[in-house]
Amino acid sequence: QVQFVESGGGLVQPGGSLRLSCAASGIITSAYPMVWYRRAPGKQRELVARISATSSTIYVDSVKGRFTISRDNAKNTVYLQMNSLKPEDTAVYYCNADRGVGVVADWGQGTQVTVSS
Protein backbone atom coordinates (compact mmCIF):
# COMPACT_ATOMS: atom_id res chain seq x y z
CA GLN A 1 0.00 0.00 0.00
CA VAL A 2 1.38 3.37 -1.02
CA GLN A 3 1.39 5.91 1.77
CA PHE A 4 2.77 9.40 2.29
CA VAL A 5 3.22 10.88 5.74
CA GLU A 6 3.71 14.63 5.95
CA SER A 7 5.31 16.39 8.91
CA GLY A 8 6.98 19.63 9.91
CA GLY A 9 4.03 21.99 9.96
CA GLY A 10 3.19 24.34 12.78
CA LEU A 11 2.43 27.90 13.81
CA VAL A 12 4.88 30.51 12.57
CA GLN A 13 4.92 34.28 12.41
CA PRO A 14 4.85 36.11 9.07
CA GLY A 15 8.33 36.13 7.60
CA GLY A 16 9.26 32.89 9.31
CA SER A 17 10.33 29.56 7.86
CA LEU A 18 9.29 25.93 8.03
CA ARG A 19 10.60 22.77 6.44
CA LEU A 20 8.04 20.13 5.56
CA SER A 21 8.95 16.49 5.09
CA CYS A 22 7.13 13.75 3.23
CA ALA A 23 8.08 10.18 4.02
CA ALA A 24 6.93 7.59 1.49
CA SER A 25 6.29 3.89 1.87
CA GLY A 26 5.16 1.27 -0.61
CA ILE A 27 6.64 3.22 -3.53
CA ILE A 28 10.07 4.08 -4.88
CA THR A 29 9.77 7.84 -5.11
CA SER A 30 12.84 8.19 -7.33
CA ALA A 31 10.77 6.78 -10.20
CA TYR A 32 8.14 9.50 -9.99
CA PRO A 33 7.72 13.22 -10.12
CA MET A 34 6.68 14.30 -6.64
CA VAL A 35 4.28 17.07 -5.73
CA TRP A 36 3.26 19.24 -2.81
CA TYR A 37 -0.31 20.50 -2.72
CA ARG A 38 -2.10 22.64 -0.19
CA ARG A 39 -5.69 23.29 0.80
CA ALA A 40 -6.55 26.57 2.45
CA PRO A 41 -9.78 26.97 4.41
CA GLY A 42 -12.73 27.24 2.04
CA LYS A 43 -10.60 26.67 -1.05
CA GLN A 44 -9.80 23.79 -3.36
CA ARG A 45 -6.56 21.89 -3.12
CA GLU A 46 -3.90 23.56 -5.29
CA LEU A 47 -0.53 22.48 -6.62
CA VAL A 48 2.30 24.30 -4.86
CA ALA A 49 5.44 22.65 -6.23
CA ARG A 50 6.56 19.74 -8.34
CA ILE A 51 9.92 18.04 -8.70
CA SER A 52 10.59 15.68 -11.58
CA ALA A 53 12.48 12.42 -11.40
CA THR A 54 15.50 14.36 -12.71
CA SER A 55 14.95 17.12 -10.10
CA SER A 56 13.56 19.80 -12.40
CA THR A 57 11.20 21.97 -10.40
CA ILE A 58 8.12 24.11 -10.95
CA TYR A 59 6.22 26.31 -8.52
CA VAL A 60 2.93 28.12 -8.37
CA ASP A 61 3.56 31.84 -8.93
CA SER A 62 2.57 32.79 -5.40
CA VAL A 63 5.48 30.86 -3.83
CA LYS A 64 8.23 31.38 -6.41
CA GLY A 65 11.40 32.62 -4.79
CA ARG A 66 10.19 31.64 -1.32
CA PHE A 67 9.62 27.86 -1.43
CA THR A 68 12.04 25.15 -2.49
CA ILE A 69 11.09 21.54 -3.21
CA SER A 70 13.79 18.89 -2.98
CA ARG A 71 14.12 15.14 -2.77
CA ASP A 72 16.38 12.64 -1.06
CA ASN A 73 15.96 9.41 -2.99
CA ALA A 74 18.12 7.47 -0.56
CA LYS A 75 15.64 8.31 2.21
CA ASN A 76 12.57 8.04 -0.04
CA THR A 77 11.62 11.49 1.23
CA VAL A 78 10.60 14.79 -0.32
CA TYR A 79 10.93 18.19 1.35
CA LEU A 80 9.42 21.63 1.03
CA GLN A 81 11.48 24.47 2.45
CA MET A 82 9.22 27.46 3.01
CA ASN A 83 10.75 30.87 3.70
CA SER A 84 9.28 34.36 4.05
CA LEU A 85 5.95 32.83 4.98
CA LYS A 86 2.80 34.90 4.58
CA PRO A 87 -0.64 34.55 6.19
CA GLU A 88 -2.01 33.44 2.81
CA ASP A 89 0.27 30.39 2.99
CA THR A 90 -1.89 29.07 5.80
CA ALA A 91 -3.21 25.68 4.70
CA VAL A 92 -2.93 21.95 5.12
CA TYR A 93 -0.02 20.74 3.01
CA TYR A 94 -0.02 17.34 1.30
CA CYS A 95 2.47 15.42 -0.78
CA ASN A 96 2.00 12.70 -3.36
CA ALA A 97 3.54 11.12 -6.42
CA ASP A 98 2.47 12.47 -9.80
CA ARG A 99 1.26 9.88 -12.30
CA GLY A 100 0.57 12.35 -15.08
CA VAL A 101 -3.19 12.34 -14.77
CA GLY A 102 -3.83 12.65 -11.08
CA VAL A 103 -1.76 11.33 -8.22
CA VAL A 104 -0.66 7.87 -7.26
CA ALA A 105 -2.14 7.42 -3.80
CA ASP A 106 -5.02 8.55 -1.66
CA TRP A 107 -4.30 11.81 0.12
CA GLY A 108 -2.87 11.46 3.60
CA GLN A 109 -3.55 13.55 6.69
CA GLY A 110 -1.33 16.38 5.58
CA THR A 111 0.44 18.80 7.87
CA GLN A 112 -1.09 22.06 9.06
CA VAL A 113 0.81 25.28 8.42
CA THR A 114 -0.51 28.39 10.13
CA VAL A 115 1.10 31.76 9.52
CA SER A 116 -0.10 34.32 12.01
CA SER A 117 1.18 36.96 14.37
C-alpha atoms as a PDB file:
ATOM      1  CA  GLN A   1       0.000   0.000   0.000  1.00  0.00           C
ATOM      2  CA  VAL A   2       1.379   3.368  -1.024  1.00  0.00           C
ATOM      3  CA  GLN A   3       1.394   5.909   1.773  1.00  0.00           C
ATOM      4  CA  PHE A   4       2.775   9.399   2.288  1.00  0.00           C
ATOM      5  CA  VAL A   5       3.224  10.884   5.742  1.00  0.00           C
ATOM      6  CA  GLU A   6       3.713  14.627   5.954  1.00  0.00           C
ATOM      7  CA  SER A   7       5.313  16.388   8.910  1.00  0.00           C
ATOM      8  CA  GLY A   8       6.979  19.628   9.914  1.00  0.00           C
ATOM      9  CA  GLY A   9       4.027  21.991   9.964  1.00  0.00           C
ATOM     10  CA  GLY A  10       3.190  24.345  12.777  1.00  0.00           C
ATOM     11  CA  LEU A  11       2.429  27.897  13.806  1.00  0.00           C
ATOM     12  CA  VAL A  12       4.881  30.507  12.568  1.00  0.00           C
ATOM     13  CA  GLN A  13       4.924  34.281  12.406  1.00  0.00           C
ATOM     14  CA  PRO A  14       4.847  36.108   9.075  1.00  0.00           C
ATOM     15  CA  GLY A  15       8.333  36.131   7.597  1.00  0.00           C
ATOM     16  CA  GLY A  16       9.256  32.886   9.309  1.00  0.00           C
ATOM     17  CA  SER A  17      10.332  29.559   7.863  1.00  0.00           C
ATOM     18  CA  LEU A  18       9.295  25.930   8.027  1.00  0.00           C
ATOM     19  CA  ARG A  19      10.602  22.769   6.441  1.00  0.00           C
ATOM     20  CA  LEU A  20       8.044  20.131   5.562  1.00  0.00           C
ATOM     21  CA  SER A  21       8.955  16.488   5.091  1.00  0.00           C
ATOM     22  CA  CYS A  22       7.125  13.750   3.230  1.00  0.00           C
ATOM     23  CA  ALA A  23       8.081  10.178   4.020  1.00  0.00           C
ATOM     24  CA  ALA A  24       6.934   7.595   1.492  1.00  0.00           C
ATOM     25  CA  SER A  25       6.294   3.895   1.869  1.00  0.00           C
ATOM     26  CA  GLY A  26       5.160   1.274  -0.615  1.00  0.00           C
ATOM     27  CA  ILE A  27       6.642   3.219  -3.528  1.00  0.00           C
ATOM     28  CA  ILE A  28      10.072   4.076  -4.884  1.00  0.00           C
ATOM     29  CA  THR A  29       9.771   7.839  -5.108  1.00  0.00           C
ATOM     30  CA  SER A  30      12.836   8.190  -7.331  1.00  0.00           C
ATOM     31  CA  ALA A  31      10.772   6.776 -10.199  1.00  0.00           C
ATOM     32  CA  TYR A  32       8.140   9.502  -9.987  1.00  0.00           C
ATOM     33  CA  PRO A  33       7.720  13.223 -10.123  1.00  0.00           C
ATOM     34  CA  MET A  34       6.682  14.300  -6.640  1.00  0.00           C
ATOM     35  CA  VAL A  35       4.281  17.073  -5.731  1.00  0.00           C
ATOM     36  CA  TRP A  36       3.261  19.237  -2.814  1.00  0.00           C
ATOM     37  CA  TYR A  37      -0.308  20.501  -2.721  1.00  0.00           C
ATOM     38  CA  ARG A  38      -2.100  22.637  -0.194  1.00  0.00           C
ATOM     39  CA  ARG A  39      -5.694  23.285   0.796  1.00  0.00           C
ATOM     40  CA  ALA A  40      -6.546  26.567   2.454  1.00  0.00           C
ATOM     41  CA  PRO A  41      -9.783  26.966   4.412  1.00  0.00           C
ATOM     42  CA  GLY A  42     -12.731  27.239   2.040  1.00  0.00           C
ATOM     43  CA  LYS A  43     -10.595  26.666  -1.053  1.00  0.00           C
ATOM     44  CA  GLN A  44      -9.798  23.793  -3.363  1.00  0.00           C
ATOM     45  CA  ARG A  45      -6.558  21.890  -3.123  1.00  0.00           C
ATOM     46  CA  GLU A  46      -3.895  23.560  -5.293  1.00  0.00           C
ATOM     47  CA  LEU A  47      -0.530  22.480  -6.621  1.00  0.00           C
ATOM     48  CA  VAL A  48       2.302  24.298  -4.858  1.00  0.00           C
ATOM     49  CA  ALA A  49       5.439  22.654  -6.225  1.00  0.00           C
ATOM     50  CA  ARG A  50       6.557  19.742  -8.345  1.00  0.00           C
ATOM     51  CA  ILE A  51       9.922  18.040  -8.703  1.00  0.00           C
ATOM     52  CA  SER A  52      10.591  15.685 -11.578  1.00  0.00           C
ATOM     53  CA  ALA A  53      12.484  12.423 -11.404  1.00  0.00           C
ATOM     54  CA  THR A  54      15.497  14.360 -12.706  1.00  0.00           C
ATOM     55  CA  SER A  55      14.947  17.122 -10.101  1.00  0.00           C
ATOM     56  CA  SER A  56      13.557  19.799 -12.397  1.00  0.00           C
ATOM     57  CA  THR A  57      11.198  21.970 -10.397  1.00  0.00           C
ATOM     58  CA  ILE A  58       8.124  24.110 -10.946  1.00  0.00           C
ATOM     59  CA  TYR A  59       6.219  26.312  -8.521  1.00  0.00           C
ATOM     60  CA  VAL A  60       2.931  28.119  -8.373  1.00  0.00           C
ATOM     61  CA  ASP A  61       3.563  31.835  -8.929  1.00  0.00           C
ATOM     62  CA  SER A  62       2.573  32.794  -5.397  1.00  0.00           C
ATOM     63  CA  VAL A  63       5.478  30.856  -3.834  1.00  0.00           C
ATOM     64  CA  LYS A  64       8.228  31.378  -6.410  1.00  0.00           C
ATOM     65  CA  GLY A  65      11.404  32.619  -4.788  1.00  0.00           C
ATOM     66  CA  ARG A  66      10.187  31.644  -1.317  1.00  0.00           C
ATOM     67  CA  PHE A  67       9.619  27.861  -1.428  1.00  0.00           C
ATOM     68  CA  THR A  68      12.035  25.150  -2.495  1.00  0.00           C
ATOM     69  CA  ILE A  69      11.095  21.542  -3.209  1.00  0.00           C
ATOM     70  CA  SER A  70      13.793  18.893  -2.977  1.00  0.00           C
ATOM     71  CA  ARG A  71      14.116  15.142  -2.768  1.00  0.00           C
ATOM     72  CA  ASP A  72      16.378  12.636  -1.057  1.00  0.00           C
ATOM     73  CA  ASN A  73      15.961   9.413  -2.988  1.00  0.00           C
ATOM     74  CA  ALA A  74      18.119   7.473  -0.558  1.00  0.00           C
ATOM     75  CA  LYS A  75      15.638   8.308   2.211  1.00  0.00           C
ATOM     76  CA  ASN A  76      12.568   8.038  -0.038  1.00  0.00           C
ATOM     77  CA  THR A  77      11.622  11.493   1.226  1.00  0.00           C
ATOM     78  CA  VAL A  78      10.595  14.787  -0.318  1.00  0.00           C
ATOM     79  CA  TYR A  79      10.933  18.191   1.346  1.00  0.00           C
ATOM     80  CA  LEU A  80       9.421  21.626   1.030  1.00  0.00           C
ATOM     81  CA  GLN A  81      11.480  24.475   2.453  1.00  0.00           C
ATOM     82  CA  MET A  82       9.221  27.461   3.012  1.00  0.00           C
ATOM     83  CA  ASN A  83      10.753  30.871   3.699  1.00  0.00           C
ATOM     84  CA  SER A  84       9.281  34.355   4.050  1.00  0.00           C
ATOM     85  CA  LEU A  85       5.950  32.831   4.976  1.00  0.00           C
ATOM     86  CA  LYS A  86       2.798  34.903   4.581  1.00  0.00           C
ATOM     87  CA  PRO A  87      -0.644  34.547   6.185  1.00  0.00           C
ATOM     88  CA  GLU A  88      -2.006  33.441   2.810  1.00  0.00           C
ATOM     89  CA  ASP A  89       0.273  30.395   2.987  1.00  0.00           C
ATOM     90  CA  THR A  90      -1.895  29.074   5.804  1.00  0.00           C
ATOM     91  CA  ALA A  91      -3.212  25.681   4.697  1.00  0.00           C
ATOM     92  CA  VAL A  92      -2.927  21.952   5.120  1.00  0.00           C
ATOM     93  CA  TYR A  93      -0.017  20.740   3.010  1.00  0.00           C
ATOM     94  CA  TYR A  94      -0.021  17.342   1.304  1.00  0.00           C
ATOM     95  CA  CYS A  95       2.472  15.418  -0.780  1.00  0.00           C
ATOM     96  CA  ASN A  96       2.001  12.705  -3.357  1.00  0.00           C
ATOM     97  CA  ALA A  97       3.540  11.124  -6.416  1.00  0.00           C
ATOM     98  CA  ASP A  98       2.475  12.470  -9.802  1.00  0.00           C
ATOM     99  CA  ARG A  99       1.258   9.879 -12.298  1.00  0.00           C
ATOM    100  CA  GLY A 100       0.574  12.349 -15.077  1.00  0.00           C
ATOM    101  CA  VAL A 101      -3.185  12.341 -14.765  1.00  0.00           C
ATOM    102  CA  GLY A 102      -3.830  12.647 -11.079  1.00  0.00           C
ATOM    103  CA  VAL A 103      -1.757  11.327  -8.221  1.00  0.00           C
ATOM    104  CA  VAL A 104      -0.657   7.866  -7.257  1.00  0.00           C
ATOM    105  CA  ALA A 105      -2.142   7.416  -3.804  1.00  0.00           C
ATOM    106  CA  ASP A 106      -5.021   8.548  -1.657  1.00  0.00           C
ATOM    107  CA  TRP A 107      -4.300  11.807   0.116  1.00  0.00           C
ATOM    108  CA  GLY A 108      -2.866  11.461   3.604  1.00  0.00           C
ATOM    109  CA  GLN A 109      -3.550  13.554   6.690  1.00  0.00           C
ATOM    110  CA  GLY A 110      -1.327  16.376   5.576  1.00  0.00           C
ATOM    111  CA  THR A 111       0.443  18.801   7.870  1.00  0.00           C
ATOM    112  CA  GLN A 112      -1.089  22.055   9.061  1.00  0.00           C
ATOM    113  CA  VAL A 113       0.810  25.278   8.419  1.00  0.00           C
ATOM    114  CA  THR A 114      -0.512  28.388  10.125  1.00  0.00           C
ATOM    115  CA  VAL A 115       1.099  31.761   9.517  1.00  0.00           C
ATOM    116  CA  SER A 116      -0.099  34.319  12.010  1.00  0.00           C
ATOM    117  CA  SER A 117       1.175  36.963  14.369  1.00  0.00           C
END
